[in-house]
Amino acid sequence: MSWSRPAVWLCLLACGCTNAVHAKKATPSSASRERLLTFMANDDPRMCAAIADAHSHWDVFVFALQNPGTKQKGFSVKAPFREGRNSEQLWLTRIELTGENISGIVDDEPVFLRGIRRKQVVQVTRSQISDWMFLDQGKIRGGYTIRALRDSLGAEERARFLASFPYSFAEEP
């Protein structure tokens, strides 16, 4: 499969009782990436609903991944990784499915975890997935947790978020 990285990656970081949503603009080096952090409670009803939506529409992601259209690319899944008391939700790319197992390459630079690195190959199970997304004709399909974040922001924060985010969202499901 031909893979092309989207210009912006989003990762949901969980630490303690909050989720920090972290947007990174693509640049040649990770050291120069711009970051935008926003926190949400783990039990936020919008986030819980977003994860449930990602699970209930998993078949949409699998079908597109296995039968990509000419304008579909950037297939990614998000899953939690834990180290002691620290937990981060990281986006994985270059996804390969084998039954209920998913392997991919970590596409974020972890902030709280020391044992995982960007570009590391990891495996997760389907039940661990908290979100998925891909580009379809330049619009994001999936990205339910990103939508929940966007919808939770105040006017000024939302304007900053949208200004840093070059894609629009496809209607779902």
C-alpha atoms as a PDB file:
ATOM      1  CA  MET A   1       0.000   0.000   0.000  1.00  0.00           C
ATOM      2  CA  SER A   2       1.216   3.473  -0.816  1.00  0.00           C
ATOM      3  CA  TRP A   3       1.203   5.649   2.286  1.00  0.00           C
ATOM      4  CA  SER A   4       1.420   9.396   2.565  1.00  0.00           C
ATOM      5  CA  ARG A   5       1.682  11.135   5.951  1.00  0.00           C
ATOM      6  CA  PRO A   6      -0.903  13.905   6.496  1.00  0.00           C
ATOM      7  CA  ALA A   7       0.543  17.352   7.182  1.00  0.00           C
ATOM      8  CA  VAL A   8      -0.777  17.386  10.745  1.00  0.00           C
ATOM      9  CA  TRP A   9      -0.835  14.654  13.364  1.00  0.00           C
ATOM     10  CA  LEU A  10      -2.974  14.653  16.432  1.00  0.00           C
ATOM     11  CA  CYS A  11      -2.448  12.552  19.484  1.00  0.00           C
ATOM     12  CA  LEU A  12      -4.468  12.265  22.618  1.00  0.00           C
ATOM     13  CA  LEU A  13      -2.256  12.062  25.677  1.00  0.00           C
ATOM     14  CA  ALA A  14      -3.660  10.711  28.904  1.00  0.00           C
ATOM     15  CA  CYS A  15      -1.937  11.517  32.196  1.00  0.00           C
ATOM     16  CA  GLY A  16      -3.618  11.001  35.525  1.00  0.00           C
ATOM     17  CA  CYS A  17      -7.235  12.079  35.355  1.00  0.00           C
ATOM     18  CA  THR A  18      -6.975  14.305  32.305  1.00  0.00           C
ATOM     19  CA  ASN A  19      -6.432  13.896  28.599  1.00  0.00           C
ATOM     20  CA  ALA A  20      -4.118  16.369  26.921  1.00  0.00           C
ATOM     21  CA  VAL A  21      -4.852  16.750  23.246  1.00  0.00           C
ATOM     22  CA  HIS A  22      -1.728  17.569  21.389  1.00  0.00           C
ATOM     23  CA  ALA A  23      -1.599  18.842  17.802  1.00  0.00           C
ATOM     24  CA  LYS A  24       1.684  18.939  15.936  1.00  0.00           C
ATOM     25  CA  LYS A  25       2.380  20.795  12.704  1.00  0.00           C
ATOM     26  CA  ALA A  26       4.544  18.874  10.267  1.00  0.00           C
ATOM     27  CA  THR A  27       8.057  20.211   9.893  1.00  0.00           C
ATOM     28  CA  PRO A  28      11.359  18.613   8.877  1.00  0.00           C
ATOM     29  CA  SER A  29      12.434  17.920  12.466  1.00  0.00           C
ATOM     30  CA  SER A  30      10.418  16.984  15.516  1.00  0.00           C
ATOM     31  CA  ALA A  31      12.345  19.535  17.577  1.00  0.00           C
ATOM     32  CA  SER A  32      10.742  22.372  15.645  1.00  0.00           C
ATOM     33  CA  ARG A  33       7.159  21.094  15.766  1.00  0.00           C
ATOM     34  CA  GLU A  34       4.588  23.521  17.129  1.00  0.00           C
ATOM     35  CA  ARG A  35       2.387  22.059  19.876  1.00  0.00           C
ATOM     36  CA  LEU A  36      -1.078  22.936  21.071  1.00  0.00           C
ATOM     37  CA  LEU A  37      -2.222  21.264  24.302  1.00  0.00           C
ATOM     38  CA  THR A  38      -5.764  21.083  25.609  1.00  0.00           C
ATOM     39  CA  PHE A  39      -6.970  18.982  28.535  1.00  0.00           C
ATOM     40  CA  MET A  40     -10.170  16.951  28.869  1.00  0.00           C
ATOM     41  CA  ALA A  41     -11.318  14.753  31.764  1.00  0.00           C
ATOM     42  CA  ASN A  42     -11.061  10.999  31.131  1.00  0.00           C
ATOM     43  CA  ASP A  43     -14.764  10.619  31.871  1.00  0.00           C
ATOM     44  CA  ASP A  44     -15.851  13.517  29.645  1.00  0.00           C
ATOM     45  CA  PRO A  45     -19.072  12.271  28.001  1.00  0.00           C
ATOM     46  CA  ARG A  46     -18.014  13.656  24.596  1.00  0.00           C
ATOM     47  CA  MET A  47     -14.732  11.737  24.696  1.00  0.00           C
ATOM     48  CA  CYS A  48     -16.423   8.534  25.866  1.00  0.00           C
ATOM     49  CA  ALA A  49     -18.967   8.864  23.047  1.00  0.00           C
ATOM     50  CA  ALA A  50     -16.182   9.532  20.528  1.00  0.00           C
ATOM     51  CA  ILE A  51     -14.335   6.357  21.497  1.00  0.00           C
ATOM     52  CA  ALA A  52     -17.593   4.394  21.314  1.00  0.00           C
ATOM     53  CA  ASP A  53     -18.204   5.830  17.811  1.00  0.00           C
ATOM     54  CA  ALA A  54     -14.711   4.799  16.713  1.00  0.00           C
ATOM     55  CA  HIS A  55     -15.395   1.256  17.928  1.00  0.00           C
ATOM     56  CA  SER A  56     -18.837   1.052  16.336  1.00  0.00           C
ATOM     57  CA  HIS A  57     -17.527   2.213  12.932  1.00  0.00           C
ATOM     58  CA  TRP A  58     -14.342   0.105  12.963  1.00  0.00           C
ATOM     59  CA  ASP A  59     -15.592  -1.837   9.926  1.00  0.00           C
ATOM     60  CA  VAL A  60     -15.457   1.400   7.854  1.00  0.00           C
ATOM     61  CA  PHE A  61     -11.748   1.748   8.652  1.00  0.00           C
ATOM     62  CA  VAL A  62     -10.960  -1.920   7.983  1.00  0.00           C
ATOM     63  CA  PHE A  63     -12.773  -1.920   4.636  1.00  0.00           C
ATOM     64  CA  ALA A  64     -10.996   1.244   3.462  1.00  0.00           C
ATOM     65  CA  LEU A  65      -7.604  -0.002   4.688  1.00  0.00           C
ATOM     66  CA  GLN A  66      -8.013  -3.306   2.863  1.00  0.00           C
ATOM     67  CA  ASN A  67      -9.574  -1.736  -0.255  1.00  0.00           C
ATOM     68  CA  PRO A  68      -8.157   1.796  -0.446  1.00  0.00           C
ATOM     69  CA  GLY A  69      -9.574   4.129  -3.052  1.00  0.00           C
ATOM     70  CA  THR A  70      -7.211   6.217  -5.140  1.00  0.00           C
ATOM     71  CA  LYS A  71      -7.900   9.260  -2.929  1.00  0.00           C
ATOM     72  CA  GLN A  72      -7.664   7.442   0.420  1.00  0.00           C
ATOM     73  CA  LYS A  73      -4.412   7.649   2.396  1.00  0.00           C
ATOM     74  CA  GLY A  74      -2.891   8.353   5.808  1.00  0.00           C
ATOM     75  CA  PHE A  75      -4.481   5.395   7.612  1.00  0.00           C
ATOM     76  CA  SER A  76      -3.892   5.769  11.369  1.00  0.00           C
ATOM     77  CA  VAL A  77      -5.148   4.312  14.628  1.00  0.00           C
ATOM     78  CA  LYS A  78      -4.806   5.644  18.149  1.00  0.00           C
ATOM     79  CA  ALA A  79      -4.239   3.503  21.224  1.00  0.00           C
ATOM     80  CA  PRO A  80      -3.131   3.974  24.818  1.00  0.00           C
ATOM     81  CA  PHE A  81       0.337   3.035  26.012  1.00  0.00           C
ATOM     82  CA  ARG A  82       1.199   2.804  29.702  1.00  0.00           C
ATOM     83  CA  GLU A  83       4.371   3.067  31.732  1.00  0.00           C
ATOM     84  CA  GLY A  84       3.877   2.976  35.484  1.00  0.00           C
ATOM     85  CA  ARG A  85       1.337   5.690  36.310  1.00  0.00           C
ATOM     86  CA  ASN A  86       1.812   7.457  32.984  1.00  0.00           C
ATOM     87  CA  SER A  87      -0.391   6.814  30.003  1.00  0.00           C
ATOM     88  CA  GLU A  88      -0.451   8.368  26.542  1.00  0.00           C
ATOM     89  CA  GLN A  89      -2.710   7.905  23.569  1.00  0.00           C
ATOM     90  CA  LEU A  90      -0.476   7.715  20.497  1.00  0.00           C
ATOM     91  CA  TRP A  91      -1.249   7.649  16.797  1.00  0.00           C
ATOM     92  CA  LEU A  92       0.137   4.729  14.799  1.00  0.00           C
ATOM     93  CA  THR A  93       0.630   4.741  11.025  1.00  0.00           C
ATOM     94  CA  ARG A  94       1.549   2.164   8.361  1.00  0.00           C
ATOM     95  CA  ILE A  95      -1.137  -0.060   9.794  1.00  0.00           C
ATOM     96  CA  GLU A  96      -1.190  -3.817   9.281  1.00  0.00           C
ATOM     97  CA  LEU A  97      -4.096  -5.962  10.478  1.00  0.00           C
ATOM     98  CA  THR A  98      -3.823  -9.631  11.427  1.00  0.00           C
ATOM     99  CA  GLY A  99      -7.124 -10.737  12.890  1.00  0.00           C
ATOM    100  CA  GLU A 100      -7.647  -8.714  16.073  1.00  0.00           C
ATOM    101  CA  ASN A 101      -3.982  -7.624  16.176  1.00  0.00           C
ATOM    102  CA  ILE A 102      -2.812  -4.330  14.742  1.00  0.00           C
ATOM    103  CA  SER A 103       0.781  -3.357  14.131  1.00  0.00           C
ATOM    104  CA  GLY A 104       1.972   0.081  13.209  1.00  0.00           C
ATOM    105  CA  ILE A 105       4.662   2.692  13.605  1.00  0.00           C
ATOM    106  CA  VAL A 106       4.415   5.248  16.404  1.00  0.00           C
ATOM    107  CA  ASP A 107       3.823   8.595  14.686  1.00  0.00           C
ATOM    108  CA  ASP A 108       4.082  10.817  17.769  1.00  0.00           C
ATOM    109  CA  GLU A 109       6.965  11.703  20.030  1.00  0.00           C
ATOM    110  CA  PRO A 110       5.753  10.529  23.447  1.00  0.00           C
ATOM    111  CA  VAL A 111       5.846  13.200  26.151  1.00  0.00           C
ATOM    112  CA  PHE A 112       5.327  11.147  29.325  1.00  0.00           C
ATOM    113  CA  LEU A 113       6.667   7.742  28.254  1.00  0.00           C
ATOM    114  CA  ARG A 114      10.363   6.896  28.041  1.00  0.00           C
ATOM    115  CA  GLY A 115      10.144   3.305  26.740  1.00  0.00           C
ATOM    116  CA  ILE A 116       8.425   4.152  23.450  1.00  0.00           C
ATOM    117  CA  ARG A 117       9.873   6.264  20.669  1.00  0.00           C
ATOM    118  CA  ARG A 118       8.582   7.831  17.483  1.00  0.00           C
ATOM    119  CA  LYS A 119       8.998   5.462  14.502  1.00  0.00           C
ATOM    120  CA  GLN A 120       9.014   2.400  16.788  1.00  0.00           C
ATOM    121  CA  VAL A 121       6.994  -0.608  15.541  1.00  0.00           C
ATOM    122  CA  VAL A 122       4.357  -1.620  18.103  1.00  0.00           C
ATOM    123  CA  GLN A 123       1.396  -3.971  18.325  1.00  0.00           C
ATOM    124  CA  VAL A 124      -2.004  -3.417  19.896  1.00  0.00           C
ATOM    125  CA  THR A 125      -5.307  -5.258  19.821  1.00  0.00           C
ATOM    126  CA  ARG A 126      -8.540  -4.031  18.329  1.00  0.00           C
ATOM    127  CA  SER A 127     -10.063  -3.619  21.787  1.00  0.00           C
ATOM    128  CA  GLN A 128      -7.304  -1.133  22.700  1.00  0.00           C
ATOM    129  CA  ILE A 129      -8.068   1.220  19.794  1.00  0.00           C
ATOM    130  CA  SER A 130      -9.522   4.542  20.912  1.00  0.00           C
ATOM    131  CA  ASP A 131      -9.771   6.160  17.472  1.00  0.00           C
ATOM    132  CA  TRP A 132      -8.926   5.765  13.803  1.00  0.00           C
ATOM    133  CA  MET A 133      -8.753   8.062  10.829  1.00  0.00           C
ATOM    134  CA  PHE A 134      -7.739   8.336   7.206  1.00  0.00           C
ATOM    135  CA  LEU A 135      -7.925  10.962   4.499  1.00  0.00           C
ATOM    136  CA  ASP A 136     -10.614  10.437   1.875  1.00  0.00           C
ATOM    137  CA  GLN A 137     -10.475  12.977  -0.944  1.00  0.00           C
ATOM    138  CA  GLY A 138      -8.699  15.397   1.397  1.00  0.00           C
ATOM    139  CA  LYS A 139     -11.237  15.060   4.229  1.00  0.00           C
ATOM    140  CA  ILE A 140     -10.801  13.177   7.472  1.00  0.00           C
ATOM    141  CA  ARG A 141     -12.891  10.051   7.951  1.00  0.00           C
ATOM    142  CA  GLY A 142     -13.032   8.923  11.566  1.00  0.00           C
ATOM    143  CA  GLY A 143     -11.029  11.106  13.929  1.00  0.00           C
ATOM    144  CA  TYR A 144     -13.862  10.958  16.457  1.00  0.00           C
ATOM    145  CA  THR A 145     -11.721  12.029  19.416  1.00  0.00           C
ATOM    146  CA  ILE A 146     -10.414  14.969  17.384  1.00  0.00           C
ATOM    147  CA  ARG A 147     -14.001  16.021  16.684  1.00  0.00           C
ATOM    148  CA  ALA A 148     -14.823  15.732  20.403  1.00  0.00           C
ATOM    149  CA  LEU A 149     -11.845  17.907  21.247  1.00  0.00           C
ATOM    150  CA  ARG A 150     -12.781  20.491  18.629  1.00  0.00           C
ATOM    151  CA  ASP A 151     -16.331  20.630  19.924  1.00  0.00           C
ATOM    152  CA  SER A 152     -15.167  21.092  23.533  1.00  0.00           C
ATOM    153  CA  LEU A 153     -12.998  24.149  22.876  1.00  0.00           C
ATOM    154  CA  GLY A 154     -13.971  27.731  23.589  1.00  0.00           C
ATOM    155  CA  ALA A 155     -14.194  30.159  20.666  1.00  0.00           C
ATOM    156  CA  GLU A 156     -10.593  31.424  20.863  1.00  0.00           C
ATOM    157  CA  GLU A 157      -9.046  27.978  21.393  1.00  0.00           C
ATOM    158  CA  ARG A 158     -11.188  26.503  18.629  1.00  0.00           C
ATOM    159  CA  ALA A 159     -10.065  29.238  16.209  1.00  0.00           C
ATOM    160  CA  ARG A 160      -6.395  28.481  17.024  1.00  0.00           C
ATOM    161  CA  PHE A 161      -7.015  24.751  16.651  1.00  0.00           C
ATOM    162  CA  LEU A 162      -8.786  25.143  13.301  1.00  0.00           C
ATOM    163  CA  ALA A 163      -6.088  27.523  12.033  1.00  0.00           C
ATOM    164  CA  SER A 164      -3.457  24.853  12.708  1.00  0.00           C
ATOM    165  CA  PHE A 165      -5.539  22.077  11.148  1.00  0.00           C
ATOM    166  CA  PRO A 166      -5.583  22.042   7.327  1.00  0.00           C
ATOM    167  CA  TYR A 167      -8.235  19.330   6.857  1.00  0.00           C
ATOM    168  CA  SER A 168     -11.989  19.331   7.086  1.00  0.00           C
ATOM    169  CA  PHE A 169     -14.010  16.390   8.344  1.00  0.00           C
ATOM    170  CA  ALA A 170     -16.139  14.117   6.185  1.00  0.00           C
ATOM    171  CA  GLU A 171     -19.706  13.591   7.311  1.00  0.00           C
ATOM    172  CA  GLU A 172     -19.934  10.454   9.430  1.00  0.00           C
ATOM    173  CA  PRO A 173     -20.373   7.542   9.488  1.00  0.00           C
END
